[in-house]
């Protein structure tokens, strides 16, 4: 084998021109790699040379472009190249780690999957990612809340969680706030063991108040028995709106096809009517619903809470007439439950995934305000001031 002269001066003269130190170093590495491949092929006679590929290699402040010789079987790697993955920091794998956590049934299965890939992601780093999402959830549930809020939308989501070897029922209670400039945020997302109950709702609402929430224009939730009255006890001046989507679903169950069609047409008119006309049209709704007396009686009893949304500008009535905003949040929880195999493998897994949902919305679709709400912000502030202008002067 011909001996290579690696003296930089000789190398520069051999190339017949002026070269920078960066060019010289790159050329030397090219020659070293070629020499190393020759040795490798002698030791592996079944393998063959297979051209070159270009690779950039950082060295201090220099970025060297090198032609790396390769072999047909791909087993050759020059000694000066960094170990596989080592040119990346663990943070470069954060997106991959998060995707593994999302798609895995449990945190433990995500850990095994990452180890099998051979990535330089330690168990400590994986735990740090998990802890980061859990901490986000805990901060969400403990941070001070702005005392004044345009709207608060609430809903409960039933889930299953594996605890100490048995699968148990839990309920996740969520409140989403909408500010006067249209910004949405998760105010609280707390899970309690057992099915939805007024006792849990009372504790949930008490925690919102203890963190600073005082004056709300409108609170929106479904018709869970007793919840409207309890909401009023915590926010006596707030309008309480029951979800009209749930009302329509109930109407479809209780009414015949033709009656339900007429029911929907009348309600469509209510959505764009002023308060007086909406109240008159509601009488027509009740009349149609008399086909199912119990349903009609419930409509009449909830009249105030089913028509609260008509006090607000038409542009934003769709936002405050249903729990769609918080239900879209719950659908993400449902997706996480299904991804986990039908139940959350542990409370830690549940907390982590709730934190993931919150972070996804914070940096995603909720990063910017709702411009429709923002466009009528001055009207919403007027409603708010009129509602609370005498607060503290009465009694």
Protein backbone atom coordinates (compact mmCIF):
# COMPACT_ATOMS: atom_id res chain seq x y z
CA UNK A 1 0.00 0.00 0.00
CA UNK A 2 1.36 3.43 -0.95
CA UNK A 3 2.18 5.55 2.06
CA UNK A 4 0.19 8.79 2.23
CA UNK A 5 2.02 12.05 2.90
CA UNK A 6 -0.23 13.96 5.25
CA UNK A 7 1.97 17.01 5.70
CA UNK A 8 -0.31 20.05 5.14
CA UNK A 9 2.28 21.91 3.09
CA UNK A 10 2.84 18.90 0.79
CA UNK A 11 -0.94 18.42 0.55
CA UNK A 12 -1.48 22.04 -0.46
CA UNK A 13 1.26 21.90 -3.10
CA UNK A 14 -0.15 18.63 -4.46
CA UNK A 15 -3.53 20.26 -4.97
CA UNK A 16 -1.93 23.06 -6.98
CA UNK A 17 -3.63 26.10 -5.41
CA UNK A 18 -4.34 28.22 -2.39
CA UNK A 19 -6.50 26.56 0.21
CA UNK A 20 -7.79 27.63 3.58
CA UNK A 21 -7.04 25.69 6.74
CA UNK A 22 -10.62 24.40 6.58
CA UNK A 23 -10.03 23.00 3.07
CA UNK A 24 -6.78 21.38 4.16
CA UNK A 25 -8.34 19.68 7.17
CA UNK A 26 -11.27 18.44 5.07
CA UNK A 27 -8.87 17.08 2.47
CA UNK A 28 -6.79 15.31 5.12
CA UNK A 29 -9.89 13.69 6.57
CA UNK A 30 -10.94 12.58 3.08
CA UNK A 31 -7.58 10.91 2.61
CA UNK A 32 -7.67 9.30 6.07
CA UNK A 33 -11.15 7.93 5.40
CA UNK A 34 -10.05 6.51 2.06
CA UNK A 35 -7.02 4.86 3.64
CA UNK A 36 -9.15 3.46 6.46
CA UNK A 37 -11.61 2.00 3.95
CA UNK A 38 -8.75 0.22 2.18
CA UNK A 39 -7.77 -1.42 5.46
CA UNK A 40 -11.41 -2.29 6.16
CA UNK A 41 -11.87 -3.97 2.75
CA UNK A 42 -8.76 -6.10 3.27
CA UNK A 43 -10.22 -7.29 6.55
CA UNK A 44 -13.66 -7.87 4.94
CA UNK A 45 -12.95 -9.40 1.53
CA UNK A 46 -16.65 -10.13 0.87
CA UNK A 47 -17.42 -6.39 0.93
CA UNK A 48 -16.74 -3.95 -1.92
CA UNK A 49 -16.08 -0.22 -2.30
CA UNK A 50 -19.24 1.69 -3.24
CA UNK A 51 -18.37 5.32 -4.01
CA UNK A 52 -18.73 8.26 -1.65
CA UNK A 53 -21.34 10.40 0.10
CA UNK A 54 -20.99 13.99 1.24
CA UNK A 55 -21.19 14.72 4.94
CA UNK A 56 -20.79 17.94 6.91
CA UNK A 57 -18.80 17.66 10.11
CA UNK A 58 -18.63 20.46 12.68
CA UNK A 59 -15.24 21.07 14.29
CA UNK A 60 -15.16 24.08 16.57
CA UNK A 61 -16.12 27.09 14.48
CA UNK A 62 -15.49 25.23 11.21
CA UNK A 63 -18.06 23.30 9.23
CA UNK A 64 -16.15 20.75 7.15
CA UNK A 65 -17.58 19.17 4.03
CA UNK A 66 -16.13 15.69 3.61
CA UNK A 67 -16.51 12.96 1.01
CA UNK A 68 -17.01 9.83 3.06
CA UNK A 69 -16.09 6.57 1.28
CA UNK A 70 -18.68 3.85 1.71
CA UNK A 71 -18.95 0.12 1.13
CA UNK A 72 -21.65 -1.97 -0.49
CA UNK A 73 -22.72 -3.66 2.75
CA UNK A 74 -22.64 -0.42 4.70
CA UNK A 75 -20.56 -1.65 7.61
CA UNK A 76 -17.73 0.86 7.22
CA UNK A 77 -17.62 4.04 9.32
CA UNK A 78 -14.49 6.25 9.52
CA UNK A 79 -13.06 6.60 13.03
CA UNK A 80 -13.40 10.39 13.13
CA UNK A 81 -17.18 10.43 12.66
CA UNK A 82 -19.13 10.85 15.92
CA UNK A 83 -21.06 7.92 17.27
CA UNK A 84 -24.53 7.46 15.87
CA UNK A 85 -26.94 10.08 17.33
CA UNK A 86 -24.19 11.75 19.36
CA UNK A 87 -24.27 14.88 17.23
CA UNK A 88 -27.71 15.55 18.71
CA UNK A 89 -28.57 16.67 22.22
CA UNK A 90 -31.32 14.81 24.09
CA UNK A 91 -33.56 17.85 23.58
CA UNK A 92 -33.49 17.21 19.83
CA UNK A 93 -35.54 14.08 20.51
CA UNK A 94 -38.26 15.79 22.55
CA UNK A 95 -40.83 15.63 19.72
CA UNK A 96 -40.11 11.92 19.22
CA UNK A 97 -40.36 11.25 22.95
CA UNK A 98 -43.69 13.07 23.14
CA UNK A 99 -45.07 11.19 20.13
CA UNK A 100 -44.02 7.91 21.72
CA UNK A 101 -45.76 8.87 24.96
CA UNK A 102 -48.93 9.81 23.07
CA UNK A 103 -49.06 6.64 20.99
CA UNK A 104 -48.08 4.19 23.74
CA UNK A 105 -50.48 2.48 26.12
CA UNK A 106 -48.44 3.48 29.15
CA UNK A 107 -45.36 5.43 30.14
CA UNK A 108 -43.53 2.15 30.66
CA UNK A 109 -44.32 0.92 27.14
CA UNK A 110 -43.07 4.25 25.74
CA UNK A 111 -39.83 3.77 27.68
CA UNK A 112 -39.38 0.26 26.24
CA UNK A 113 -40.07 1.52 22.72
CA UNK A 114 -37.47 4.26 23.00
CA UNK A 115 -34.89 1.86 24.37
CA UNK A 116 -35.53 -0.57 21.50
CA UNK A 117 -34.86 2.22 19.00
CA UNK A 118 -31.43 2.64 20.53
CA UNK A 119 -31.77 6.38 20.97
CA UNK A 120 -29.65 8.16 23.56
CA UNK A 121 -32.72 9.01 25.65
CA UNK A 122 -32.19 8.09 29.27
CA UNK A 123 -34.93 7.09 31.66
CA UNK A 124 -34.19 10.31 33.53
CA UNK A 125 -34.92 12.35 30.41
CA UNK A 126 -38.15 10.45 29.76
CA UNK A 127 -39.23 11.04 33.35
CA UNK A 128 -38.40 14.74 32.97
CA UNK A 129 -40.72 14.97 29.95
CA UNK A 130 -43.51 13.20 31.83
CA UNK A 131 -43.00 15.41 34.88
CA UNK A 132 -43.11 18.51 32.69
CA UNK A 133 -46.64 17.70 31.50
CA UNK A 134 -47.82 16.75 34.98
CA UNK A 135 -46.41 20.01 36.32
CA UNK A 136 -48.27 21.94 33.60
CA UNK A 137 -51.53 20.32 34.74
CA UNK A 138 -50.77 21.13 38.38
CA UNK A 139 -49.90 24.74 37.55
CA UNK A 140 -53.14 25.02 35.56
CA UNK A 141 -55.10 23.81 38.58
CA UNK A 142 -53.38 26.06 41.11
CA UNK A 143 -52.50 29.36 39.42
CA UNK A 144 -54.49 32.52 40.23
CA UNK A 145 -57.44 33.16 37.91
CA UNK A 146 -58.45 36.58 36.62
CA UNK A 147 -61.41 37.71 38.74
CA UNK A 148 -63.43 38.89 35.73
CA UNK A 149 -64.29 36.59 32.85
CA UNK A 150 -66.65 36.89 29.91
CA UNK A 151 -67.59 33.20 29.80
CA UNK A 152 -66.81 29.96 31.59
CA UNK A 153 -67.75 26.67 29.93
CA UNK A 154 -67.78 23.50 32.03
CA UNK A 155 -68.24 19.80 31.42
CA UNK A 156 -67.45 16.44 32.99
CA UNK A 157 -65.84 13.48 31.23
CA UNK A 158 -66.03 9.90 32.51
CA UNK A 159 -62.85 7.82 32.16
CA UNK A 160 -61.35 4.60 33.49
CA UNK A 161 -58.03 4.49 35.32
CA UNK A 162 -56.02 1.50 36.49
CA UNK A 163 -55.09 1.92 40.16
CA UNK A 164 -53.31 -0.76 42.21
CA UNK A 165 -54.14 -3.51 39.75
CA UNK A 166 -57.85 -2.72 39.29
CA UNK A 167 -59.61 -0.48 36.76
CA UNK A 168 -61.70 2.20 38.46
CA UNK A 169 -64.13 4.87 37.32
CA UNK A 170 -63.02 8.50 37.43
CA UNK A 171 -64.55 11.74 36.19
CA UNK A 172 -62.52 14.63 34.77
CA UNK A 173 -64.11 18.04 35.46
CA UNK A 174 -63.00 20.84 33.16
CA UNK A 175 -63.63 24.59 33.09
CA UNK A 176 -62.56 26.66 30.09
CA UNK A 177 -62.52 30.43 30.38
CA UNK A 178 -62.98 32.92 27.56
CA UNK A 179 -61.72 36.44 28.16
CA UNK A 180 -63.32 39.59 26.80
CA UNK A 181 -60.77 39.72 23.98
CA UNK A 182 -61.56 36.15 22.90
CA UNK A 183 -58.64 34.29 24.49
CA UNK A 184 -59.44 30.74 25.63
CA UNK A 185 -57.66 28.97 28.47
CA UNK A 186 -58.14 25.91 30.63
CA UNK A 187 -58.98 27.27 34.08
CA UNK A 188 -59.07 23.86 35.76
CA UNK A 189 -58.97 20.19 34.83
CA UNK A 190 -59.41 18.02 37.92
CA UNK A 191 -60.20 14.33 38.19
CA UNK A 192 -62.19 12.74 40.99
CA UNK A 193 -62.80 9.08 41.63
CA UNK A 194 -66.36 7.97 40.85
CA UNK A 195 -69.12 9.14 38.53
CA UNK A 196 -70.20 12.76 38.03
CA UNK A 197 -71.80 14.18 41.17
CA UNK A 198 -72.96 17.46 42.68
CA UNK A 199 -70.54 16.95 45.53
CA UNK A 200 -67.61 16.96 43.12
CA UNK A 201 -69.04 19.92 41.22
CA UNK A 202 -69.31 21.86 44.48
CA UNK A 203 -65.67 21.19 45.31
CA UNK A 204 -64.64 22.05 41.74
CA UNK A 205 -66.51 25.39 41.78
CA UNK A 206 -65.17 26.21 45.24
CA UNK A 207 -61.63 25.76 43.94
CA UNK A 208 -62.28 28.15 41.04
CA UNK A 209 -63.53 30.79 43.46
CA UNK A 210 -60.65 30.24 45.90
CA UNK A 211 -58.20 30.91 43.07
CA UNK A 212 -59.76 34.31 42.37
CA UNK A 213 -62.64 33.86 39.94
CA UNK A 214 -65.41 36.24 41.02
CA UNK A 215 -67.43 37.87 38.27
CA UNK A 216 -68.54 35.97 35.16
CA UNK A 217 -71.02 37.18 32.56
CA UNK A 218 -72.19 33.72 31.52
CA UNK A 219 -71.51 30.15 32.62
CA UNK A 220 -72.34 27.35 30.18
CA UNK A 221 -72.81 23.68 31.08
CA UNK A 222 -75.18 20.79 30.46
CA UNK A 223 -78.39 20.01 32.32
CA UNK A 224 -76.88 17.85 35.05
CA UNK A 225 -79.51 17.74 37.77
CA UNK A 226 -78.98 20.51 40.34
CA UNK A 227 -75.91 22.00 38.68
CA UNK A 228 -77.60 25.20 37.43
CA UNK A 229 -78.73 26.10 40.93
CA UNK A 230 -75.31 25.34 42.37
CA UNK A 231 -73.62 27.49 39.71
CA UNK A 232 -75.93 30.35 40.66
CA UNK A 233 -74.97 29.97 44.32
CA UNK A 234 -71.30 30.52 43.45
CA UNK A 235 -71.86 33.16 40.73
CA UNK A 236 -75.22 34.75 41.60
CA UNK A 237 -75.07 37.50 38.95
CA UNK A 238 -73.92 35.27 36.11
CA UNK A 239 -76.25 34.10 33.37
CA UNK A 240 -76.39 30.30 33.39
CA UNK A 241 -76.85 28.77 29.96
CA UNK A 242 -77.75 25.11 29.49
CA UNK A 243 -76.33 23.48 26.38
CA UNK A 244 -78.82 23.81 23.51
CA UNK A 245 -77.11 21.02 21.56
CA UNK A 246 -78.07 18.66 24.39
CA UNK A 247 -81.60 20.10 24.27
CA UNK A 248 -81.87 19.28 20.56
CA UNK A 249 -80.56 15.76 21.16
CA UNK A 250 -83.21 15.22 23.81
CA UNK A 251 -85.87 16.59 21.47
CA UNK A 252 -84.85 14.09 18.77
CA UNK A 253 -85.30 11.26 21.30
CA UNK A 254 -88.70 12.38 22.60
CA UNK A 255 -90.42 13.75 19.48
CA UNK A 256 -91.57 12.16 16.26
CA UNK A 257 -89.69 12.99 13.09
CA UNK A 258 -92.10 15.69 11.89
CA UNK A 259 -92.35 17.34 15.32
CA UNK A 260 -88.59 17.36 15.69
CA UNK A 261 -88.25 19.01 12.27
CA UNK A 262 -90.60 21.80 13.35
CA UNK A 263 -88.84 22.05 16.70
CA UNK A 264 -85.50 22.65 14.96
CA UNK A 265 -86.96 25.27 12.65
CA UNK A 266 -88.37 27.27 15.56
CA UNK A 267 -85.12 27.04 17.48
CA UNK A 268 -83.21 28.22 14.40
CA UNK A 269 -85.35 31.35 14.49
CA UNK A 270 -84.68 31.82 18.22
CA UNK A 271 -80.92 31.85 17.61
CA UNK A 272 -81.17 35.10 15.61
CA UNK A 273 -84.06 36.73 17.51
CA UNK A 274 -84.00 39.50 20.13
CA UNK A 275 -84.94 38.68 23.72
CA UNK A 276 -88.64 39.50 23.36
CA UNK A 277 -89.14 37.54 20.15
CA UNK A 278 -87.04 34.65 21.45
CA UNK A 279 -89.29 34.39 24.51
CA UNK A 280 -92.40 34.30 22.30
CA UNK A 281 -90.88 31.68 20.02
CA UNK A 282 -89.95 29.57 23.02
CA UNK A 283 -93.67 29.19 23.69
CA UNK A 284 -93.93 27.52 20.29
CA UNK A 285 -91.12 25.16 21.26
CA UNK A 286 -92.95 24.13 24.41
CA UNK A 287 -96.18 23.66 22.45
CA UNK A 288 -94.47 21.34 19.97
CA UNK A 289 -92.81 19.47 22.83
CA UNK A 290 -96.16 18.71 24.51
CA UNK A 291 -96.16 15.58 22.40
CA UNK A 292 -93.82 14.38 25.18
CA UNK A 293 -95.25 16.01 28.36
CA UNK A 294 -92.24 15.33 30.59
CA UNK A 295 -89.89 16.85 28.04
CA UNK A 296 -92.17 19.88 27.60
CA UNK A 297 -92.34 20.40 31.36
CA UNK A 298 -88.54 20.30 31.58
CA UNK A 299 -88.23 22.84 28.78
CA UNK A 300 -90.59 25.22 30.56
CA UNK A 301 -88.75 24.79 33.85
CA UNK A 302 -85.41 25.59 32.20
CA UNK A 303 -86.67 28.47 30.03
CA UNK A 304 -84.39 31.08 31.65
CA UNK A 305 -81.29 28.91 31.32
CA UNK A 306 -82.04 27.86 27.75
CA UNK A 307 -82.50 31.44 26.53
CA UNK A 308 -79.65 33.18 28.38
CA UNK A 309 -77.52 33.27 25.21
CA UNK A 310 -79.94 35.64 23.39
CA UNK A 311 -78.79 38.48 25.70
CA UNK A 312 -75.49 38.48 23.84
CA UNK A 313 -74.48 39.69 20.35
CA UNK A 314 -75.56 37.39 17.53
CA UNK A 315 -71.96 37.03 16.33
CA UNK A 316 -70.96 35.02 19.41
CA UNK A 317 -74.19 33.23 20.36
CA UNK A 318 -72.95 29.95 18.91
CA UNK A 319 -70.06 30.04 21.40
CA UNK A 320 -72.19 30.57 24.51
CA UNK A 321 -75.25 28.51 23.58
CA UNK A 322 -73.54 25.12 23.86
CA UNK A 323 -70.68 23.28 25.54
CA UNK A 324 -69.03 22.56 22.17
CA UNK A 325 -65.78 24.30 23.17
CA UNK A 326 -65.23 22.16 26.28
CA UNK A 327 -66.56 19.03 24.57
CA UNK A 328 -63.90 19.39 21.88
CA UNK A 329 -61.39 19.36 24.75
CA UNK A 330 -63.05 16.21 26.12
CA UNK A 331 -62.78 14.54 22.71
CA UNK A 332 -59.02 14.88 22.98
CA UNK A 333 -59.20 13.13 26.36
CA UNK A 334 -61.30 10.41 24.74
CA UNK A 335 -58.72 10.02 21.96
CA UNK A 336 -56.02 9.64 24.62
CA UNK A 337 -58.13 7.04 26.44
CA UNK A 338 -58.58 4.97 23.28
CA UNK A 339 -54.88 5.31 22.47
CA UNK A 340 -54.16 3.94 25.94
CA UNK A 341 -56.21 0.82 25.25
CA UNK A 342 -59.57 1.90 26.71
CA UNK A 343 -58.31 3.05 30.09
CA UNK A 344 -55.44 5.04 31.52
CA UNK A 345 -52.74 2.75 32.86
CA UNK A 346 -52.21 4.88 35.98
CA UNK A 347 -53.13 8.22 37.53
CA UNK A 348 -49.70 9.44 36.47
CA UNK A 349 -50.53 8.50 32.87
CA UNK A 350 -53.87 10.33 33.09
CA UNK A 351 -52.26 13.48 34.51
CA UNK A 352 -49.54 13.40 31.85
CA UNK A 353 -52.05 13.13 29.02
CA UNK A 354 -54.24 15.91 30.45
CA UNK A 355 -51.13 18.08 30.54
CA UNK A 356 -50.40 17.13 26.93
CA UNK A 357 -53.90 18.21 25.83
CA UNK A 358 -53.52 21.54 27.63
CA UNK A 359 -50.10 22.20 26.10
CA UNK A 360 -51.34 21.24 22.62
CA UNK A 361 -54.14 23.83 22.82
CA UNK A 362 -51.93 26.50 24.40
CA UNK A 363 -49.34 26.38 21.62
CA UNK A 364 -51.86 25.49 18.90
CA UNK A 365 -55.38 26.62 18.09
CA UNK A 366 -55.81 28.64 21.32
CA UNK A 367 -52.60 30.57 20.90
CA UNK A 368 -54.52 33.37 19.19
CA UNK A 369 -57.78 34.92 20.40
CA UNK A 370 -61.14 34.27 18.78
CA UNK A 371 -61.43 37.29 16.50
CA UNK A 372 -65.23 37.14 16.34
CA UNK A 373 -65.44 37.54 20.12
CA UNK A 374 -62.75 40.19 20.05
CA UNK A 375 -64.70 42.18 17.46
CA UNK A 376 -67.63 42.61 19.87
CA UNK A 377 -65.48 42.98 23.00
CA UNK A 378 -66.81 46.50 23.66
CA UNK A 379 -70.38 45.17 23.69
CA UNK A 380 -69.43 42.34 26.04
CA UNK A 381 -67.81 44.81 28.43
CA UNK A 382 -71.00 46.92 28.38
CA UNK A 383 -73.08 43.86 29.31
CA UNK A 384 -70.59 43.00 32.05
CA UNK A 385 -70.58 46.52 33.53
CA UNK A 386 -74.36 46.73 33.54
CA UNK A 387 -74.54 43.35 35.25
CA UNK A 388 -72.09 44.23 38.01
CA UNK A 389 -72.29 48.04 38.26
CA UNK A 390 -74.32 47.94 41.50
CA UNK A 391 -72.25 45.19 43.11
CA UNK A 392 -71.17 46.21 46.56
CA UNK A 393 -73.77 49.02 46.76
CA UNK A 394 -76.71 46.79 47.63
CA UNK A 395 -77.71 45.74 51.08
